[in-house]
Amino acid sequence: MRDARFGAADWQSLLKVTVGDTAAESLPPVQGRYAVTDSALTFTPLFPFDPGRSYRVAFDPARLPRPRPIAVVTSVVRLAAIESQPTTMVTAVYPSADVLPENTLRLYIEFSAPMGNGGAQNVVRLLDERGREVPIPFLPVQADFWNGDHTRYTLFFDPGRVKQGILPNEELGRPLQAGHRYTLEISADWHDAQGQPLVAAYRRPFRVGPADARPLTMASWRITPPAARTRDPLIVTFPAPLDHGLLARAVGVEDGGGRTIEGDVTLEAADTRWAFRPRSAWSAGEYRLVALSILEDPAGNRIGRAFEVDMTRPPADPLPDAYRAAFKIVEPGF
């Protein structure tokens, strides 16, 4: 049975595990590790199986190194749910502003406790102002868009519909239309890591404004330095919201010698204000605010580069790894 030529795709075609109890070629296999003994082939998922969820297991003998003309063997396994009262709830959806740009690329859904491995398909809907469901607004894949501890899910609008000049955009238009109201509806049937549904469904209404196709510029950011010999926060204010998930990790501070300043970040005012409190008191001197080139606004615009690119023009130069803006911290009273 052992065969060094077998790769991940070969193992998945031989023994495929998918979420749900029906056969669907479009469903991606559950990711995990395979192991072979003298009498068995075992599969260990990358993340634990969800209590209360069904999984379909298909073994195809024709995919063995020495193929056997036997029909595919399938079995559906449903794990028992852990008996307890639902306690997990949606705590926030970002961007949190009341008005989102028409070309918003992604939403972040945060939960009060770790969730299971299931994605947002079939449990999240976008409703228009008349209460009708917007057809296929989100990227139609059941993928692992969770953060490390499964408390935040990234929900992507279909980029083919958001980006102009692409066939889905031309045929269906953008999922969000300027001047209209929408409601994001999250079903309580989304299961947490214990196999329990959410405490309650969640609804987030918002309005949509014009598309934002302008590149970011650090020159428009207002840096408010604290005084030396304090641990007061450094405040950076932006003219418009930035991407919540990226802003928390793509902006930092370094001293005049290029050494990173350790501290804690707080995002405020609907992601238009970044507050940084150092672990140790500030010293008087020169500092630099550092923004990694991955930083985006909700519409995918980056510093010096808009999301919408004119494909008829020559390719732009690669973005630098980071951008810097200098500021100074002085002694109190100066």
C-alpha atoms as a PDB file:
ATOM      1  CA  MET A   1       0.000   0.000   0.000  1.00  0.00           C
ATOM      2  CA  ARG A   2       2.840   2.395   0.775  1.00  0.00           C
ATOM      3  CA  ASP A   3       3.830   4.394  -2.301  1.00  0.00           C
ATOM      4  CA  ALA A   4       6.247   7.319  -2.198  1.00  0.00           C
ATOM      5  CA  ARG A   5       4.677   8.736  -5.349  1.00  0.00           C
ATOM      6  CA  PHE A   6       1.391   9.433  -3.576  1.00  0.00           C
ATOM      7  CA  GLY A   7       0.828  13.144  -2.915  1.00  0.00           C
ATOM      8  CA  ALA A   8      -1.949  15.023  -1.107  1.00  0.00           C
ATOM      9  CA  ALA A   9      -4.228  15.030  -4.171  1.00  0.00           C
ATOM     10  CA  ASP A  10      -3.759  11.268  -4.596  1.00  0.00           C
ATOM     11  CA  TRP A  11      -4.734  10.573  -0.999  1.00  0.00           C
ATOM     12  CA  GLN A  12      -7.808  12.794  -1.315  1.00  0.00           C
ATOM     13  CA  SER A  13      -8.957  11.004  -4.458  1.00  0.00           C
ATOM     14  CA  LEU A  14      -8.488   7.629  -2.717  1.00  0.00           C
ATOM     15  CA  LEU A  15     -10.169   8.555   0.584  1.00  0.00           C
ATOM     16  CA  LYS A  16     -12.186  11.773   0.401  1.00  0.00           C
ATOM     17  CA  VAL A  17     -13.944  13.307   3.398  1.00  0.00           C
ATOM     18  CA  THR A  18     -16.430  16.125   2.781  1.00  0.00           C
ATOM     19  CA  VAL A  19     -18.864  18.070   4.951  1.00  0.00           C
ATOM     20  CA  GLY A  20     -22.511  17.049   4.642  1.00  0.00           C
ATOM     21  CA  ASP A  21     -24.413  13.898   3.790  1.00  0.00           C
ATOM     22  CA  THR A  22     -24.755  14.257   0.021  1.00  0.00           C
ATOM     23  CA  ALA A  23     -22.328  13.745  -2.847  1.00  0.00           C
ATOM     24  CA  ALA A  24     -21.229  17.002  -4.437  1.00  0.00           C
ATOM     25  CA  GLU A  25     -18.149  17.263  -6.607  1.00  0.00           C
ATOM     26  CA  SER A  26     -17.912  20.989  -5.949  1.00  0.00           C
ATOM     27  CA  LEU A  27     -17.388  20.510  -2.207  1.00  0.00           C
ATOM     28  CA  PRO A  28     -13.715  20.738  -1.226  1.00  0.00           C
ATOM     29  CA  PRO A  29     -12.314  17.843   0.798  1.00  0.00           C
ATOM     30  CA  VAL A  30     -11.671  18.238   4.494  1.00  0.00           C
ATOM     31  CA  GLN A  31      -7.946  18.897   4.916  1.00  0.00           C
ATOM     32  CA  GLY A  32      -5.897  16.549   7.061  1.00  0.00           C
ATOM     33  CA  ARG A  33      -3.160  13.914   7.295  1.00  0.00           C
ATOM     34  CA  TYR A  34      -3.171  10.367   5.954  1.00  0.00           C
ATOM     35  CA  ALA A  35      -1.343   7.411   7.471  1.00  0.00           C
ATOM     36  CA  VAL A  36      -1.011   3.794   6.344  1.00  0.00           C
ATOM     37  CA  THR A  37      -0.518   0.698   8.472  1.00  0.00           C
ATOM     38  CA  ASP A  38      -0.405  -2.948   7.425  1.00  0.00           C
ATOM     39  CA  SER A  39      -4.162  -3.204   7.846  1.00  0.00           C
ATOM     40  CA  ALA A  40      -5.665   0.276   7.631  1.00  0.00           C
ATOM     41  CA  LEU A  41      -5.662   3.725   6.056  1.00  0.00           C
ATOM     42  CA  THR A  42      -6.398   6.469   8.601  1.00  0.00           C
ATOM     43  CA  PHE A  43      -7.319  10.121   8.185  1.00  0.00           C
ATOM     44  CA  THR A  44      -6.779  12.796  10.852  1.00  0.00           C
ATOM     45  CA  PRO A  45      -8.417  16.178  10.119  1.00  0.00           C
ATOM     46  CA  LEU A  46      -6.352  19.344  10.335  1.00  0.00           C
ATOM     47  CA  PHE A  47      -9.003  20.710  12.728  1.00  0.00           C
ATOM     48  CA  PRO A  48     -11.229  18.512  14.940  1.00  0.00           C
ATOM     49  CA  PHE A  49     -14.468  17.298  13.395  1.00  0.00           C
ATOM     50  CA  ASP A  50     -17.487  19.364  14.475  1.00  0.00           C
ATOM     51  CA  PRO A  51     -19.857  17.739  16.977  1.00  0.00           C
ATOM     52  CA  GLY A  52     -23.356  17.461  15.558  1.00  0.00           C
ATOM     53  CA  ARG A  53     -22.204  17.671  11.924  1.00  0.00           C
ATOM     54  CA  SER A  54     -22.442  15.015   9.179  1.00  0.00           C
ATOM     55  CA  TYR A  55     -19.444  13.969   7.097  1.00  0.00           C
ATOM     56  CA  ARG A  56     -19.388  11.876   3.933  1.00  0.00           C
ATOM     57  CA  VAL A  57     -16.486   9.453   3.506  1.00  0.00           C
ATOM     58  CA  ALA A  58     -15.779   7.988   0.054  1.00  0.00           C
ATOM     59  CA  PHE A  59     -13.148   5.298  -0.608  1.00  0.00           C
ATOM     60  CA  ASP A  60     -12.312   4.654  -4.278  1.00  0.00           C
ATOM     61  CA  PRO A  61     -10.400   1.347  -4.788  1.00  0.00           C
ATOM     62  CA  ALA A  62      -9.721   2.344  -8.405  1.00  0.00           C
ATOM     63  CA  ARG A  63      -7.313   4.994  -7.037  1.00  0.00           C
ATOM     64  CA  LEU A  64      -5.063   2.458  -5.288  1.00  0.00           C
ATOM     65  CA  PRO A  65      -1.488   2.091  -6.578  1.00  0.00           C
ATOM     66  CA  ARG A  66      -2.722  -1.304  -7.815  1.00  0.00           C
ATOM     67  CA  PRO A  67      -6.252  -0.387  -8.960  1.00  0.00           C
ATOM     68  CA  ARG A  68      -9.116  -2.716  -8.133  1.00  0.00           C
ATOM     69  CA  PRO A  69     -12.363  -2.768 -10.183  1.00  0.00           C
ATOM     70  CA  ILE A  70     -14.627  -2.211  -7.182  1.00  0.00           C
ATOM     71  CA  ALA A  71     -17.301   0.451  -6.831  1.00  0.00           C
ATOM     72  CA  VAL A  72     -16.671   3.471  -4.646  1.00  0.00           C
ATOM     73  CA  VAL A  73     -17.502   2.699  -1.027  1.00  0.00           C
ATOM     74  CA  THR A  74     -19.275   5.552   0.781  1.00  0.00           C
ATOM     75  CA  SER A  75     -20.463   6.098   4.301  1.00  0.00           C
ATOM     76  CA  VAL A  76     -22.071   9.042   6.082  1.00  0.00           C
ATOM     77  CA  VAL A  77     -21.018   9.629   9.667  1.00  0.00           C
ATOM     78  CA  ARG A  78     -22.836  12.044  11.957  1.00  0.00           C
ATOM     79  CA  LEU A  79     -21.063  13.031  15.128  1.00  0.00           C
ATOM     80  CA  ALA A  80     -23.169  13.391  18.229  1.00  0.00           C
ATOM     81  CA  ALA A  81     -23.706  16.937  19.440  1.00  0.00           C
ATOM     82  CA  ILE A  82     -22.489  17.898  22.870  1.00  0.00           C
ATOM     83  CA  GLU A  83     -25.542  18.493  25.011  1.00  0.00           C
ATOM     84  CA  SER A  84     -25.527  22.018  26.357  1.00  0.00           C
ATOM     85  CA  GLN A  85     -27.388  25.278  25.989  1.00  0.00           C
ATOM     86  CA  PRO A  86     -26.253  27.619  23.183  1.00  0.00           C
ATOM     87  CA  THR A  87     -23.929  30.292  24.512  1.00  0.00           C
ATOM     88  CA  THR A  88     -22.108  31.631  21.441  1.00  0.00           C
ATOM     89  CA  MET A  89     -23.270  34.795  19.703  1.00  0.00           C
ATOM     90  CA  VAL A  90     -22.193  37.241  17.022  1.00  0.00           C
ATOM     91  CA  THR A  91     -20.495  40.153  18.777  1.00  0.00           C
ATOM     92  CA  ALA A  92     -19.628  42.443  15.842  1.00  0.00           C
ATOM     93  CA  VAL A  93     -19.542  42.819  12.074  1.00  0.00           C
ATOM     94  CA  TYR A  94     -16.898  44.999  10.399  1.00  0.00           C
ATOM     95  CA  PRO A  95     -16.779  47.446   8.697  1.00  0.00           C
ATOM     96  CA  SER A  96     -18.920  48.884  11.487  1.00  0.00           C
ATOM     97  CA  ALA A  97     -19.687  52.203   9.763  1.00  0.00           C
ATOM     98  CA  ASP A  98     -23.313  52.933   8.902  1.00  0.00           C
ATOM     99  CA  VAL A  99     -22.391  53.544   5.238  1.00  0.00           C
ATOM    100  CA  LEU A 100     -20.222  51.144   3.226  1.00  0.00           C
ATOM    101  CA  PRO A 101     -18.721  51.858  -0.197  1.00  0.00           C
ATOM    102  CA  GLU A 102     -20.383  50.166  -3.137  1.00  0.00           C
ATOM    103  CA  ASN A 103     -17.172  48.243  -3.898  1.00  0.00           C
ATOM    104  CA  THR A 104     -16.652  46.787  -0.410  1.00  0.00           C
ATOM    105  CA  LEU A 105     -14.633  43.571  -0.726  1.00  0.00           C
ATOM    106  CA  ARG A 106     -15.043  41.787   2.592  1.00  0.00           C
ATOM    107  CA  LEU A 107     -16.812  41.687   5.938  1.00  0.00           C
ATOM    108  CA  TYR A 108     -15.504  40.363   9.239  1.00  0.00           C
ATOM    109  CA  ILE A 109     -17.904  38.488  11.535  1.00  0.00           C
ATOM    110  CA  GLU A 110     -16.741  38.150  15.140  1.00  0.00           C
ATOM    111  CA  PHE A 111     -18.079  35.626  17.647  1.00  0.00           C
ATOM    112  CA  SER A 112     -17.991  35.425  21.435  1.00  0.00           C
ATOM    113  CA  ALA A 113     -16.436  31.914  21.429  1.00  0.00           C
ATOM    114  CA  PRO A 114     -14.682  29.539  18.979  1.00  0.00           C
ATOM    115  CA  MET A 115     -16.827  28.316  16.115  1.00  0.00           C
ATOM    116  CA  GLY A 116     -16.777  25.052  14.200  1.00  0.00           C
ATOM    117  CA  ASN A 117     -15.107  24.548  10.832  1.00  0.00           C
ATOM    118  CA  GLY A 118     -18.174  25.264   8.699  1.00  0.00           C
ATOM    119  CA  GLY A 119     -18.231  28.328   6.475  1.00  0.00           C
ATOM    120  CA  ALA A 120     -20.908  30.925   5.819  1.00  0.00           C
ATOM    121  CA  GLN A 121     -22.707  29.217   2.954  1.00  0.00           C
ATOM    122  CA  ASN A 122     -26.362  28.522   3.770  1.00  0.00           C
ATOM    123  CA  VAL A 123     -26.229  30.477   7.051  1.00  0.00           C
ATOM    124  CA  VAL A 124     -25.546  34.045   5.842  1.00  0.00           C
ATOM    125  CA  ARG A 125     -27.793  36.046   3.516  1.00  0.00           C
ATOM    126  CA  LEU A 126     -27.767  39.571   2.128  1.00  0.00           C
ATOM    127  CA  LEU A 127     -31.215  41.164   1.918  1.00  0.00           C
ATOM    128  CA  ASP A 128     -32.134  44.280  -0.032  1.00  0.00           C
ATOM    129  CA  GLU A 129     -34.349  47.084   1.278  1.00  0.00           C
ATOM    130  CA  ARG A 130     -37.477  45.174   0.276  1.00  0.00           C
ATOM    131  CA  GLY A 131     -36.394  42.105   2.213  1.00  0.00           C
ATOM    132  CA  ARG A 132     -35.482  40.118  -0.916  1.00  0.00           C
ATOM    133  CA  GLU A 133     -32.352  37.995  -0.916  1.00  0.00           C
ATOM    134  CA  VAL A 134     -29.555  39.337  -3.132  1.00  0.00           C
ATOM    135  CA  PRO A 135     -28.463  36.455  -5.424  1.00  0.00           C
ATOM    136  CA  ILE A 136     -24.923  35.062  -4.952  1.00  0.00           C
ATOM    137  CA  PRO A 137     -23.342  38.182  -3.410  1.00  0.00           C
ATOM    138  CA  PHE A 138     -20.526  36.316  -1.683  1.00  0.00           C
ATOM    139  CA  LEU A 139     -17.637  34.206  -2.944  1.00  0.00           C
ATOM    140  CA  PRO A 140     -19.412  30.860  -3.506  1.00  0.00           C
ATOM    141  CA  VAL A 141     -16.893  28.560  -1.809  1.00  0.00           C
ATOM    142  CA  GLN A 142     -17.031  26.692   1.485  1.00  0.00           C
ATOM    143  CA  ALA A 143     -13.466  27.531   2.506  1.00  0.00           C
ATOM    144  CA  ASP A 144     -11.602  27.993   5.771  1.00  0.00           C
ATOM    145  CA  PHE A 145     -11.691  31.768   6.159  1.00  0.00           C
ATOM    146  CA  TRP A 146     -11.309  31.610   9.958  1.00  0.00           C
ATOM    147  CA  ASN A 147      -8.677  33.260  12.097  1.00  0.00           C
ATOM    148  CA  GLY A 148      -6.429  31.086  14.269  1.00  0.00           C
ATOM    149  CA  ASP A 149      -8.838  30.604  17.167  1.00  0.00           C
ATOM    150  CA  HIS A 150     -12.017  30.410  15.026  1.00  0.00           C
ATOM    151  CA  THR A 151     -13.587  33.502  16.568  1.00  0.00           C
ATOM    152  CA  ARG A 152     -13.560  35.641  13.403  1.00  0.00           C
ATOM    153  CA  TYR A 153     -14.767  34.716   9.927  1.00  0.00           C
ATOM    154  CA  THR A 154     -13.876  36.705   6.805  1.00  0.00           C
ATOM    155  CA  LEU A 155     -16.820  36.893   4.421  1.00  0.00           C
ATOM    156  CA  PHE A 156     -15.759  37.882   0.898  1.00  0.00           C
ATOM    157  CA  PHE A 157     -18.028  39.564  -1.584  1.00  0.00           C
ATOM    158  CA  ASP A 158     -17.536  37.893  -4.959  1.00  0.00           C
ATOM    159  CA  PRO A 159     -14.529  39.857  -6.337  1.00  0.00           C
ATOM    160  CA  GLY A 160     -15.581  38.996  -9.883  1.00  0.00           C
ATOM    161  CA  ARG A 161     -18.746  41.005  -9.315  1.00  0.00           C
ATOM    162  CA  VAL A 162     -17.044  43.830  -7.426  1.00  0.00           C
ATOM    163  CA  LYS A 163     -14.218  44.489  -9.887  1.00  0.00           C
ATOM    164  CA  GLN A 164     -15.336  46.325 -13.018  1.00  0.00           C
ATOM    165  CA  GLY A 165     -14.625  44.968 -16.487  1.00  0.00           C
ATOM    166  CA  ILE A 166     -14.910  41.308 -15.456  1.00  0.00           C
ATOM    167  CA  LEU A 167     -17.684  39.104 -16.875  1.00  0.00           C
ATOM    168  CA  PRO A 168     -19.581  38.478 -13.576  1.00  0.00           C
ATOM    169  CA  ASN A 169     -19.578  42.231 -12.940  1.00  0.00           C
ATOM    170  CA  GLU A 170     -20.886  42.978 -16.420  1.00  0.00           C
ATOM    171  CA  GLU A 171     -23.583  40.291 -16.233  1.00  0.00           C
ATOM    172  CA  LEU A 172     -24.776  40.692 -12.631  1.00  0.00           C
ATOM    173  CA  GLY A 173     -23.427  44.035 -11.435  1.00  0.00           C
ATOM    174  CA  ARG A 174     -22.061  44.661  -7.973  1.00  0.00           C
ATOM    175  CA  PRO A 175     -23.793  42.963  -5.027  1.00  0.00           C
ATOM    176  CA  LEU A 176     -24.052  46.355  -3.305  1.00  0.00           C
ATOM    177  CA  GLN A 177     -25.537  49.328  -5.122  1.00  0.00           C
ATOM    178  CA  ALA A 178     -24.975  52.933  -4.053  1.00  0.00           C
ATOM    179  CA  GLY A 179     -28.037  54.678  -2.630  1.00  0.00           C
ATOM    180  CA  HIS A 180     -29.678  51.502  -1.349  1.00  0.00           C
ATOM    181  CA  ARG A 181     -30.080  49.838   2.044  1.00  0.00           C
ATOM    182  CA  TYR A 182     -29.176  46.253   2.889  1.00  0.00           C
ATOM    183  CA  THR A 183     -29.282  43.859   5.824  1.00  0.00           C
ATOM    184  CA  LEU A 184     -26.754  41.147   6.556  1.00  0.00           C
ATOM    185  CA  GLU A 185     -28.649  38.248   8.109  1.00  0.00           C
ATOM    186  CA  ILE A 186     -26.784  35.517  10.022  1.00  0.00           C
ATOM    187  CA  SER A 187     -28.778  32.400  10.899  1.00  0.00           C
ATOM    188  CA  ALA A 188     -28.657  30.883  14.377  1.00  0.00           C
ATOM    189  CA  ASP A 189     -27.985  27.552  12.619  1.00  0.00           C
ATOM    190  CA  TRP A 190     -24.289  28.421  12.355  1.00  0.00           C
ATOM    191  CA  HIS A 191     -22.706  25.937  14.807  1.00  0.00           C
ATOM    192  CA  ASP A 192     -19.975  26.700  17.306  1.00  0.00           C
ATOM    193  CA  ALA A 193     -17.044  24.439  18.241  1.00  0.00           C
ATOM    194  CA  GLN A 194     -19.309  22.464  20.588  1.00  0.00           C
ATOM    195  CA  GLY A 195     -21.790  21.689  17.827  1.00  0.00           C
ATOM    196  CA  GLN A 196     -24.362  24.102  19.243  1.00  0.00           C
ATOM    197  CA  PRO A 197     -26.255  26.758  17.261  1.00  0.00           C
ATOM    198  CA  LEU A 198     -25.882  30.431  18.040  1.00  0.00           C
ATOM    199  CA  VAL A 199     -27.900  31.930  20.853  1.00  0.00           C
ATOM    200  CA  ALA A 200     -29.893  33.941  18.305  1.00  0.00           C
ATOM    201  CA  ALA A 201     -29.873  35.090  14.710  1.00  0.00           C
ATOM    202  CA  TYR A 202     -28.076  38.348  13.962  1.00  0.00           C
ATOM    203  CA  ARG A 203     -29.084  41.191  11.657  1.00  0.00           C
ATOM    204  CA  ARG A 204     -26.892  44.112  10.625  1.00  0.00           C
ATOM    205  CA  PRO A 205     -28.537  46.888   8.555  1.00  0.00           C
ATOM    206  CA  PHE A 206     -26.394  49.370   6.626  1.00  0.00           C
ATOM    207  CA  ARG A 207     -26.515  51.849   3.757  1.00  0.00           C
ATOM    208  CA  VAL A 208     -24.322  51.902   0.655  1.00  0.00           C
ATOM    209  CA  GLY A 209     -22.532  54.935  -0.703  1.00  0.00           C
ATOM    210  CA  PRO A 210     -20.511  55.555  -3.882  1.00  0.00           C
ATOM    211  CA  ALA A 211     -17.576  53.316  -4.767  1.00  0.00           C
ATOM    212  CA  ASP A 212     -14.200  54.340  -3.383  1.00  0.00           C
ATOM    213  CA  ALA A 213     -11.475  53.933  -6.009  1.00  0.00           C
ATOM    214  CA  ARG A 214      -8.831  56.246  -4.546  1.00  0.00           C
ATOM    215  CA  PRO A 215      -5.459  54.936  -3.373  1.00  0.00           C
ATOM    216  CA  LEU A 216      -4.567  55.516   0.266  1.00  0.00           C
ATOM    217  CA  THR A 217      -2.047  58.215   1.134  1.00  0.00           C
ATOM    218  CA  MET A 218      -0.237  58.581   4.446  1.00  0.00           C
ATOM    219  CA  ALA A 219      -0.128  62.359   3.926  1.00  0.00           C
ATOM    220  CA  SER A 220      -3.842  62.466   4.785  1.00  0.00           C
ATOM    221  CA  TRP A 221      -3.339  60.704   8.139  1.00  0.00           C
ATOM    222  CA  ARG A 222      -3.220  62.867  11.264  1.00  0.00           C
ATOM    223  CA  ILE A 223      -0.607  61.701  13.786  1.00  0.00           C
ATOM    224  CA  THR A 224      -1.103  62.940  17.355  1.00  0.00           C
ATOM    225  CA  PRO A 225       2.006  62.125  19.422  1.00  0.00           C
ATOM    226  CA  PRO A 226       1.868  61.672  23.208  1.00  0.00           C
ATOM    227  CA  ALA A 227       4.276  63.325  25.650  1.00  0.00           C
ATOM    228  CA  ALA A 228       7.558  61.718  26.656  1.00  0.00           C
ATOM    229  CA  ARG A 229       7.793  59.874  29.988  1.00  0.00           C
ATOM    230  CA  THR A 230       4.175  58.721  29.684  1.00  0.00           C
ATOM    231  CA  ARG A 231       2.449  55.631  28.373  1.00  0.00           C
ATOM    232  CA  ASP A 232      -0.259  57.716  26.759  1.00  0.00           C
ATOM    233  CA  PRO A 233      -1.386  56.353  23.394  1.00  0.00           C
ATOM    234  CA  LEU A 234      -0.147  57.519  20.034  1.00  0.00           C
ATOM    235  CA  ILE A 235      -3.258  58.394  18.006  1.00  0.00           C
ATOM    236  CA  VAL A 236      -3.474  58.169  14.216  1.00  0.00           C
ATOM    237  CA  THR A 237      -6.692  59.408  12.578  1.00  0.00           C
ATOM    238  CA  PHE A 238      -7.675  58.432   9.043  1.00  0.00           C
ATOM    239  CA  PRO A 239     -10.029  60.367   6.740  1.00  0.00           C
ATOM    240  CA  ALA A 240     -12.076  57.195   6.084  1.00  0.00           C
ATOM    241  CA  PRO A 241     -12.304  53.690   7.587  1.00  0.00           C
ATOM    242  CA  LEU A 242      -9.538  51.194   6.875  1.00  0.00           C
ATOM    243  CA  ASP A 243      -9.832  47.407   6.749  1.00  0.00           C
ATOM    244  CA  HIS A 244     -10.488  46.189  10.290  1.00  0.00           C
ATOM    245  CA  GLY A 245      -8.569  42.921  10.069  1.00  0.00           C
ATOM    246  CA  LEU A 246      -5.509  44.394   8.365  1.00  0.00           C
ATOM    247  CA  LEU A 247      -5.366  47.610  10.371  1.00  0.00           C
ATOM    248  CA  ALA A 248      -4.929  45.656  13.605  1.00  0.00           C
ATOM    249  CA  ARG A 249      -1.676  44.062  12.371  1.00  0.00           C
ATOM    250  CA  ALA A 250      -0.318  46.132   9.476  1.00  0.00           C
ATOM    251  CA  VAL A 251       0.527  49.379  11.302  1.00  0.00           C
ATOM    252  CA  GLY A 252       3.238  49.789  13.927  1.00  0.00           C
ATOM    253  CA  VAL A 253       5.870  52.112  15.373  1.00  0.00           C
ATOM    254  CA  GLU A 254       9.671  52.135  15.263  1.00  0.00           C
ATOM    255  CA  ASP A 255      12.189  54.425  16.903  1.00  0.00           C
ATOM    256  CA  GLY A 256      14.835  56.517  15.153  1.00  0.00           C
ATOM    257  CA  GLY A 257      17.165  53.510  14.998  1.00  0.00           C
ATOM    258  CA  GLY A 258      14.582  51.329  13.229  1.00  0.00           C
ATOM    259  CA  ARG A 259      13.776  49.230  16.322  1.00  0.00           C
ATOM    260  CA  THR A 260      10.166  48.106  16.716  1.00  0.00           C
ATOM    261  CA  ILE A 261       8.278  49.575  19.673  1.00  0.00           C
ATOM    262  CA  GLU A 262       6.197  46.941  21.462  1.00  0.00           C
ATOM    263  CA  GLY A 263       2.694  47.896  22.485  1.00  0.00           C
ATOM    264  CA  ASP A 264      -1.044  47.273  22.211  1.00  0.00           C
ATOM    265  CA  VAL A 265      -3.352  48.465  19.440  1.00  0.00           C
ATOM    266  CA  THR A 266      -6.954  49.617  19.812  1.00  0.00           C
ATOM    267  CA  LEU A 267      -9.201  50.411  16.834  1.00  0.00           C
ATOM    268  CA  GLU A 268     -11.767  53.142  17.414  1.00  0.00           C
ATOM    269  CA  ALA A 269     -14.375  55.314  15.681  1.00  0.00           C
ATOM    270  CA  ALA A 270     -15.436  52.699  13.097  1.00  0.00           C
ATOM    271  CA  ASP A 271     -11.800  51.986  12.148  1.00  0.00           C
ATOM    272  CA  THR A 272     -10.952  55.618  11.463  1.00  0.00           C
ATOM    273  CA  ARG A 273      -8.712  55.914  14.529  1.00  0.00           C
ATOM    274  CA  TRP A 274      -5.706  53.772  15.495  1.00  0.00           C
ATOM    275  CA  ALA A 275      -4.462  54.020  19.079  1.00  0.00           C
ATOM    276  CA  PHE A 276      -1.120  52.545  20.157  1.00  0.00           C
ATOM    277  CA  ARG A 277      -0.144  52.282  23.839  1.00  0.00           C
ATOM    278  CA  PRO A 278       3.508  51.258  24.400  1.00  0.00           C
ATOM    279  CA  ARG A 279       4.569  48.605  26.925  1.00  0.00           C
ATOM    280  CA  SER A 280       7.129  51.073  28.337  1.00  0.00           C
ATOM    281  CA  ALA A 281       7.011  54.854  28.690  1.00  0.00           C
ATOM    282  CA  TRP A 282       7.863  56.921  25.627  1.00  0.00           C
ATOM    283  CA  SER A 283      11.282  58.550  25.419  1.00  0.00           C
ATOM    284  CA  ALA A 284      11.767  61.930  23.747  1.00  0.00           C
ATOM    285  CA  GLY A 285      13.079  61.571  20.212  1.00  0.00           C
ATOM    286  CA  GLU A 286      12.358  60.734  16.601  1.00  0.00           C
ATOM    287  CA  TYR A 287       9.923  57.953  15.655  1.00  0.00           C
ATOM    288  CA  ARG A 288       8.306  56.568  12.535  1.00  0.00           C
ATOM    289  CA  LEU A 289       4.830  55.239  11.939  1.00  0.00           C
ATOM    290  CA  VAL A 290       5.164  52.106   9.778  1.00  0.00           C
ATOM    291  CA  ALA A 291       2.381  50.870   7.483  1.00  0.00           C
ATOM    292  CA  LEU A 292       2.885  47.577   5.654  1.00  0.00           C
ATOM    293  CA  SER A 293       1.975  47.555   1.976  1.00  0.00           C
ATOM    294  CA  ILE A 294      -0.741  44.938   2.640  1.00  0.00           C
ATOM    295  CA  LEU A 295      -2.841  47.587   4.410  1.00  0.00           C
ATOM    296  CA  GLU A 296      -6.125  48.250   2.598  1.00  0.00           C
ATOM    297  CA  ASP A 297      -9.387  50.076   3.023  1.00  0.00           C
ATOM    298  CA  PRO A 298     -12.679  48.116   2.804  1.00  0.00           C
ATOM    299  CA  ALA A 299     -12.630  48.479  -0.998  1.00  0.00           C
ATOM    300  CA  GLY A 300      -9.135  46.991  -1.381  1.00  0.00           C
ATOM    301  CA  ASN A 301      -7.293  50.242  -2.117  1.00  0.00           C
ATOM    302  CA  ARG A 302      -3.692  50.332  -0.847  1.00  0.00           C
ATOM    303  CA  ILE A 303      -1.184  53.083  -0.224  1.00  0.00           C
ATOM    304  CA  GLY A 304      -0.273  54.421  -3.645  1.00  0.00           C
ATOM    305  CA  ARG A 305      -2.345  51.802  -5.490  1.00  0.00           C
ATOM    306  CA  ALA A 306      -6.081  51.663  -6.137  1.00  0.00           C
ATOM    307  CA  PHE A 307      -7.859  48.287  -6.295  1.00  0.00           C
ATOM    308  CA  GLU A 308      -9.245  49.062  -9.739  1.00  0.00           C
ATOM    309  CA  VAL A 309      -6.330  48.889 -12.175  1.00  0.00           C
ATOM    310  CA  ASP A 310      -6.432  50.052 -15.798  1.00  0.00           C
ATOM    311  CA  MET A 311      -5.378  46.873 -17.611  1.00  0.00           C
ATOM    312  CA  THR A 312      -4.610  48.821 -20.811  1.00  0.00           C
ATOM    313  CA  ARG A 313      -1.669  50.581 -19.141  1.00  0.00           C
ATOM    314  CA  PRO A 314       1.764  49.098 -18.467  1.00  0.00           C
ATOM    315  CA  PRO A 315       2.032  47.257 -15.125  1.00  0.00           C
ATOM    316  CA  ALA A 316       2.838  49.508 -12.179  1.00  0.00           C
ATOM    317  CA  ASP A 317       6.062  49.139 -10.255  1.00  0.00           C
ATOM    318  CA  PRO A 318       5.930  46.677  -7.337  1.00  0.00           C
ATOM    319  CA  LEU A 319       4.837  48.147  -4.025  1.00  0.00           C
ATOM    320  CA  PRO A 320       7.495  48.547  -1.337  1.00  0.00           C
ATOM    321  CA  ASP A 321       7.221  46.316   1.726  1.00  0.00           C
ATOM    322  CA  ALA A 322       6.254  49.244   3.956  1.00  0.00           C
ATOM    323  CA  TYR A 323       5.701  52.995   4.122  1.00  0.00           C
ATOM    324  CA  ARG A 324       6.900  55.318   6.895  1.00  0.00           C
ATOM    325  CA  ALA A 325       5.891  58.694   8.294  1.00  0.00           C
ATOM    326  CA  ALA A 326       8.144  60.492  10.781  1.00  0.00           C
ATOM    327  CA  PHE A 327       6.955  62.133  13.987  1.00  0.00           C
ATOM    328  CA  LYS A 328       8.591  63.426  17.153  1.00  0.00           C
ATOM    329  CA  ILE A 329       7.877  62.921  20.848  1.00  0.00           C
ATOM    330  CA  VAL A 330       8.971  65.746  23.155  1.00  0.00           C
ATOM    331  CA  GLU A 331       9.231  66.273  26.907  1.00  0.00           C
ATOM    332  CA  PRO A 332       6.049  67.428  28.699  1.00  0.00           C
ATOM    333  CA  GLY A 333       5.632  71.193  28.584  1.00  0.00           C
ATOM    334  CA  PHE A 334       7.493  71.723  25.308  1.00  0.00           C
END
